[in-house]
Amino acid sequence: MRSYAFSGKAGTPWMHAHTLQEQALLAVPLIVANPHDDGRDEQEVVVLLHDFSFKTPDQLLAGLTAGPAADAMAGHSGHGGMDMSSGIMAMDLNDIEYDAYLASDRTLADQEVAEVERGGRVRVRIIKGAAATAFTIDFGELEGESIAVEGEDIVAVKGRRFPMNMRQRIDVWLMLPAEKRSFPVLALREGAPQRTGIILEPRGAEMARVAAPGEQNRPVLDLELVLIPPMRSVTIALDADNAGQWAFDCHHPYHMAIGMMSTFGDRTEARA
């Protein structure tokens, strides 16, 4: 392990490949620590979430763009589309059925165990590195405080469940009971029964065992983590054509702040 000095702000960034290669586990956390936090009485646990496939990124991408005939080859889940009985458009939640869902490179069948102190405070840094799967983070009976989102400190938000979408990061403080028992921290796949996660285990406690498939479909993500109200709101329609290509339906230019998405006419680009 090597240590580096950064001039930027502390936070929970990560390094990853692009073009769907995160599915081949080409990603790693890159935690930037603040030296002023060294005296804090807390333990740190880092969790990197993945959706993993034995198929290559090219195979998965081809299945998403080639239409219904390629669905079986690509593992397309087929959650979207029109419900002919009701005439209502069904939610398009998961376009790919992955071979495994991982937390710190492990499934719940070989679960990652983080040794913690009874009655201690833990800072859990969760990085949502999955390429095409959204999760709800479930702390079970433990109530946590979300203290940072996307590497930015926020006013603490208490809760037991926190939604996470693509590339998101969240830091959560937990105060553990003084009891000698283990506590699962689970990532629930959106709208499906699959889950992954880690176990927080005090020394000498019996390890908790959690099955990978749950008994029911998990929550659909909402806007719960949109914590800072915008200075100005603009409604932009997002449409899809018959080939499954998504585009913003814009007729006027919109200029947004640095770090946001900027849209000019029918062209959209990210501003760094």
Protein backbone atom coordinates (compact mmCIF):
# COMPACT_ATOMS: atom_id res chain seq x y z
CA MET A 1 0.00 0.00 0.00
CA ARG A 2 1.23 3.51 -0.82
CA SER A 3 0.25 6.90 0.55
CA TYR A 4 -0.07 10.05 -1.55
CA ALA A 5 -0.65 13.69 -0.68
CA PHE A 6 -3.47 15.49 -2.54
CA SER A 7 -4.04 19.23 -2.64
CA GLY A 8 -7.77 18.83 -3.32
CA LYS A 9 -10.55 18.21 -0.82
CA ALA A 10 -11.07 14.96 1.03
CA GLY A 11 -13.83 12.59 -0.03
CA THR A 12 -14.80 9.21 -1.49
CA PRO A 13 -13.72 9.21 -5.15
CA TRP A 14 -12.97 6.08 -7.17
CA MET A 15 -11.17 5.04 -10.34
CA HIS A 16 -12.91 3.05 -13.05
CA ALA A 17 -12.81 2.11 -16.71
CA HIS A 18 -15.50 3.20 -19.15
CA THR A 19 -17.54 1.50 -21.93
CA LEU A 20 -19.22 -0.88 -19.44
CA GLN A 21 -15.88 -2.35 -18.31
CA GLU A 22 -16.80 -1.93 -14.66
CA GLN A 23 -18.64 -5.22 -15.21
CA ALA A 24 -15.20 -6.83 -15.56
CA LEU A 25 -14.29 -5.36 -12.12
CA LEU A 26 -12.02 -2.69 -13.61
CA ALA A 27 -12.60 -0.28 -10.74
CA VAL A 28 -11.07 0.54 -7.37
CA PRO A 29 -11.81 2.98 -4.51
CA LEU A 30 -9.51 6.00 -4.18
CA ILE A 31 -10.23 7.43 -0.73
CA VAL A 32 -8.82 10.90 -0.03
CA ALA A 33 -8.53 11.27 3.74
CA ASN A 34 -8.45 14.50 5.68
CA PRO A 35 -5.53 14.52 8.19
CA HIS A 36 -7.71 16.52 10.59
CA ASP A 37 -9.99 13.46 10.87
CA ASP A 38 -7.21 11.20 12.18
CA GLY A 39 -8.18 11.90 15.78
CA ARG A 40 -11.80 10.92 15.34
CA ASP A 41 -12.92 7.89 17.31
CA GLU A 42 -14.37 5.99 14.39
CA GLN A 43 -13.63 3.01 12.21
CA GLU A 44 -13.81 3.21 8.43
CA VAL A 45 -15.31 0.55 6.15
CA VAL A 46 -15.22 0.93 2.36
CA VAL A 47 -17.70 -0.99 0.18
CA LEU A 48 -17.52 -1.09 -3.62
CA LEU A 49 -20.67 -2.44 -5.30
CA HIS A 50 -20.59 -4.18 -8.68
CA ASP A 51 -22.81 -5.98 -11.14
CA PHE A 52 -20.68 -8.70 -12.76
CA SER A 53 -21.08 -10.59 -16.04
CA PHE A 54 -19.00 -13.30 -17.68
CA LYS A 55 -19.98 -11.76 -21.03
CA THR A 56 -17.74 -9.10 -22.52
CA PRO A 57 -18.86 -5.47 -22.52
CA ASP A 58 -19.19 -5.69 -26.32
CA GLN A 59 -21.59 -8.63 -26.02
CA LEU A 60 -23.72 -6.83 -23.47
CA LEU A 61 -23.79 -3.62 -25.48
CA ALA A 62 -24.71 -5.52 -28.65
CA GLY A 63 -27.64 -7.11 -26.84
CA LEU A 64 -28.90 -3.70 -25.73
CA THR A 65 -28.73 -2.12 -29.17
CA ALA A 66 -29.67 -4.97 -31.52
CA GLY A 67 -33.34 -5.23 -30.54
CA PRO A 68 -35.55 -8.01 -29.16
CA ALA A 69 -33.87 -10.77 -31.18
CA ALA A 70 -30.70 -10.37 -29.15
CA ASP A 71 -32.36 -10.20 -25.75
CA ALA A 72 -31.74 -13.82 -24.85
CA MET A 73 -28.08 -13.64 -25.85
CA ALA A 74 -27.43 -10.44 -23.91
CA GLY A 75 -29.43 -11.39 -20.85
CA HIS A 76 -32.02 -8.62 -21.33
CA SER A 77 -34.54 -8.74 -18.53
CA GLY A 78 -37.45 -7.31 -20.47
CA HIS A 79 -38.93 -5.27 -17.63
CA GLY A 80 -39.89 -2.36 -19.88
CA GLY A 81 -42.63 -2.11 -22.45
CA MET A 82 -46.38 -1.73 -22.63
CA ASP A 83 -48.71 -3.69 -20.39
CA MET A 84 -51.29 -4.65 -23.04
CA SER A 85 -53.95 -5.50 -20.45
CA SER A 86 -53.90 -2.04 -18.88
CA GLY A 87 -52.40 0.13 -21.61
CA ILE A 88 -49.89 1.48 -19.08
CA MET A 89 -46.19 1.70 -19.84
CA ALA A 90 -44.31 -0.64 -17.51
CA MET A 91 -41.21 0.56 -15.68
CA ASP A 92 -37.91 -0.21 -17.43
CA LEU A 93 -35.78 -1.04 -14.39
CA ASN A 94 -33.11 -3.62 -15.24
CA ASP A 95 -31.98 -4.10 -18.82
CA ILE A 96 -29.36 -6.77 -18.03
CA GLU A 97 -29.56 -9.86 -15.87
CA TYR A 98 -26.06 -10.14 -14.45
CA ASP A 99 -24.30 -13.30 -13.32
CA ALA A 100 -23.55 -11.87 -9.87
CA TYR A 101 -23.97 -8.80 -7.69
CA LEU A 102 -20.92 -8.06 -5.59
CA ALA A 103 -19.91 -6.07 -2.52
CA SER A 104 -16.14 -5.65 -2.28
CA ASP A 105 -15.76 -8.32 -5.00
CA ARG A 106 -17.80 -10.93 -3.09
CA THR A 107 -21.30 -12.31 -3.17
CA LEU A 108 -23.31 -13.12 -0.04
CA ALA A 109 -22.40 -16.78 -0.57
CA ASP A 110 -18.82 -15.78 0.33
CA GLN A 111 -19.64 -12.59 2.15
CA GLU A 112 -17.19 -9.87 3.05
CA VAL A 113 -16.81 -9.48 6.83
CA ALA A 114 -15.59 -6.21 8.37
CA GLU A 115 -14.39 -6.57 11.96
CA VAL A 116 -15.77 -3.71 14.09
CA GLU A 117 -15.87 -2.75 17.76
CA ARG A 118 -18.93 -3.22 19.91
CA GLY A 119 -20.42 0.14 20.83
CA GLY A 120 -18.13 1.90 18.38
CA ARG A 121 -18.81 4.37 15.59
CA VAL A 122 -18.29 3.26 11.99
CA ARG A 123 -18.06 5.40 8.87
CA VAL A 124 -19.27 3.28 5.95
CA ARG A 125 -18.16 4.64 2.57
CA ILE A 126 -20.28 3.04 -0.16
CA ILE A 127 -19.34 3.39 -3.83
CA LYS A 128 -21.96 2.33 -6.37
CA GLY A 129 -19.66 1.00 -9.09
CA ALA A 130 -22.29 -1.15 -10.80
CA ALA A 131 -22.59 -0.36 -14.53
CA ALA A 132 -26.35 -0.80 -15.00
CA THR A 133 -27.94 -1.72 -11.66
CA ALA A 134 -29.39 0.60 -9.04
CA PHE A 135 -29.48 -0.42 -5.38
CA THR A 136 -31.14 0.57 -2.12
CA ILE A 137 -28.68 0.36 0.78
CA ASP A 138 -30.38 -1.32 3.73
CA PHE A 139 -28.78 -1.01 7.19
CA GLY A 140 -31.46 -3.17 8.76
CA GLU A 141 -32.04 -2.36 12.42
CA LEU A 142 -29.19 0.17 12.50
CA GLU A 143 -30.13 3.80 11.95
CA GLY A 144 -27.39 5.68 10.13
CA GLU A 145 -26.60 9.28 9.33
CA SER A 146 -25.72 10.14 5.75
CA ILE A 147 -22.98 12.77 6.11
CA ALA A 148 -21.62 12.99 2.54
CA VAL A 149 -22.97 12.41 -0.97
CA GLU A 150 -20.78 12.35 -4.10
CA GLY A 151 -17.81 13.26 -1.91
CA GLU A 152 -19.50 16.46 -0.69
CA ASP A 153 -20.32 16.98 2.99
CA ILE A 154 -24.03 17.50 3.67
CA VAL A 155 -26.29 18.18 6.63
CA ALA A 156 -26.72 14.75 8.20
CA VAL A 157 -29.79 12.81 7.07
CA LYS A 158 -30.93 9.96 9.30
CA GLY A 159 -32.35 6.72 7.95
CA ARG A 160 -32.09 2.96 7.63
CA ARG A 161 -32.38 2.85 3.82
CA PHE A 162 -30.63 5.03 1.24
CA PRO A 163 -31.16 4.78 -2.56
CA MET A 164 -28.07 4.77 -4.81
CA ASN A 165 -28.00 5.15 -8.58
CA MET A 166 -25.17 4.81 -11.12
CA ARG A 167 -21.74 6.07 -9.99
CA GLN A 168 -23.09 7.50 -6.74
CA ARG A 169 -21.21 7.55 -3.45
CA ILE A 170 -22.54 7.94 0.05
CA ASP A 171 -20.84 8.12 3.47
CA VAL A 172 -22.92 6.94 6.43
CA TRP A 173 -22.12 7.09 10.14
CA LEU A 174 -23.33 4.19 12.27
CA MET A 175 -23.27 3.88 16.05
CA LEU A 176 -23.12 0.18 16.87
CA PRO A 177 -24.83 -1.37 19.89
CA ALA A 178 -22.64 -2.77 22.66
CA GLU A 179 -24.00 -6.26 21.99
CA LYS A 180 -21.86 -9.11 20.69
CA ARG A 181 -23.69 -9.76 17.42
CA SER A 182 -23.27 -9.10 13.71
CA PHE A 183 -25.10 -6.63 11.50
CA PRO A 184 -25.63 -7.07 7.73
CA VAL A 185 -25.38 -4.03 5.45
CA LEU A 186 -27.23 -4.99 2.27
CA ALA A 187 -27.52 -3.58 -1.25
CA LEU A 188 -30.97 -4.46 -2.64
CA ARG A 189 -31.26 -4.65 -6.42
CA GLU A 190 -33.92 -2.27 -7.72
CA GLY A 191 -37.26 -3.95 -8.46
CA ALA A 192 -35.80 -7.46 -8.13
CA PRO A 193 -35.11 -9.99 -5.33
CA GLN A 194 -31.32 -10.17 -5.72
CA ARG A 195 -29.08 -8.53 -3.14
CA THR A 196 -25.47 -8.34 -2.01
CA GLY A 197 -23.69 -6.78 0.94
CA ILE A 198 -21.22 -7.10 3.78
CA ILE A 199 -21.35 -8.08 7.45
CA LEU A 200 -20.24 -5.80 10.31
CA GLU A 201 -18.97 -8.25 12.89
CA PRO A 202 -17.64 -7.48 16.41
CA ARG A 203 -14.87 -9.80 17.54
CA GLY A 204 -16.29 -12.99 19.01
CA ALA A 205 -19.77 -12.49 17.56
CA GLU A 206 -21.49 -15.18 15.57
CA MET A 207 -21.44 -14.38 11.86
CA ALA A 208 -24.80 -13.48 10.35
CA ARG A 209 -25.73 -15.50 7.27
CA VAL A 210 -27.80 -13.80 4.56
CA ALA A 211 -29.10 -15.51 1.41
CA ALA A 212 -28.34 -13.75 -1.87
CA PRO A 213 -31.88 -13.93 -3.28
CA GLY A 214 -34.45 -12.20 -1.13
CA GLU A 215 -38.09 -13.17 -0.81
CA GLN A 216 -39.56 -10.25 -2.73
CA ASN A 217 -38.75 -7.55 -5.25
CA ARG A 218 -36.90 -4.61 -3.78
CA PRO A 219 -37.79 -0.90 -3.80
CA VAL A 220 -37.73 1.27 -6.91
CA LEU A 221 -35.47 4.29 -6.50
CA ASP A 222 -36.95 7.71 -5.90
CA LEU A 223 -35.52 11.21 -5.34
CA GLU A 224 -34.93 10.80 -1.61
CA LEU A 225 -31.25 11.71 -1.88
CA VAL A 226 -31.88 14.94 -3.79
CA LEU A 227 -31.11 16.89 -0.66
CA ILE A 228 -30.21 20.36 -1.94
CA PRO A 229 -33.06 22.32 -3.60
CA PRO A 230 -32.12 23.76 -7.01
CA MET A 231 -31.86 27.49 -7.64
CA ARG A 232 -33.98 27.03 -10.74
CA SER A 233 -35.92 24.08 -12.15
CA VAL A 234 -36.28 23.27 -15.85
CA THR A 235 -38.52 20.47 -17.13
CA ILE A 236 -36.99 18.52 -20.03
CA ALA A 237 -38.67 15.50 -21.64
CA LEU A 238 -36.62 12.32 -22.07
CA ASP A 239 -37.80 10.23 -25.05
CA ALA A 240 -36.81 6.88 -26.52
CA ASP A 241 -37.15 5.83 -30.16
CA ASN A 242 -38.00 2.35 -31.48
CA ALA A 243 -34.33 1.35 -31.42
CA GLY A 244 -34.13 2.06 -27.70
CA GLN A 245 -32.01 5.19 -28.08
CA TRP A 246 -32.62 7.87 -25.46
CA ALA A 247 -32.51 11.62 -26.14
CA PHE A 248 -33.59 14.88 -24.56
CA ASP A 249 -36.50 16.56 -26.32
CA CYS A 250 -35.26 20.17 -26.19
CA HIS A 251 -36.31 23.16 -28.28
CA HIS A 252 -34.48 25.86 -26.34
CA PRO A 253 -30.89 26.14 -25.04
CA TYR A 254 -30.38 25.69 -21.31
CA HIS A 255 -27.14 26.77 -19.65
CA MET A 256 -26.47 25.26 -16.24
CA ALA A 257 -23.78 25.66 -13.62
CA ILE A 258 -20.39 23.98 -13.85
CA GLY A 259 -20.58 20.40 -12.69
CA MET A 260 -24.14 20.01 -13.98
CA MET A 261 -25.45 18.77 -17.32
CA SER A 262 -25.62 21.38 -20.07
CA THR A 263 -28.04 21.11 -22.96
CA PHE A 264 -27.89 23.15 -26.14
CA GLY A 265 -30.81 22.53 -28.49
CA ASP A 266 -30.83 18.80 -29.26
CA ARG A 267 -27.21 18.28 -28.11
CA THR A 268 -26.34 17.35 -24.55
CA GLU A 269 -22.91 17.37 -22.94
CA ALA A 270 -21.47 17.11 -19.45
CA ARG A 271 -19.54 20.04 -18.05
CA ALA A 272 -16.64 19.03 -15.79
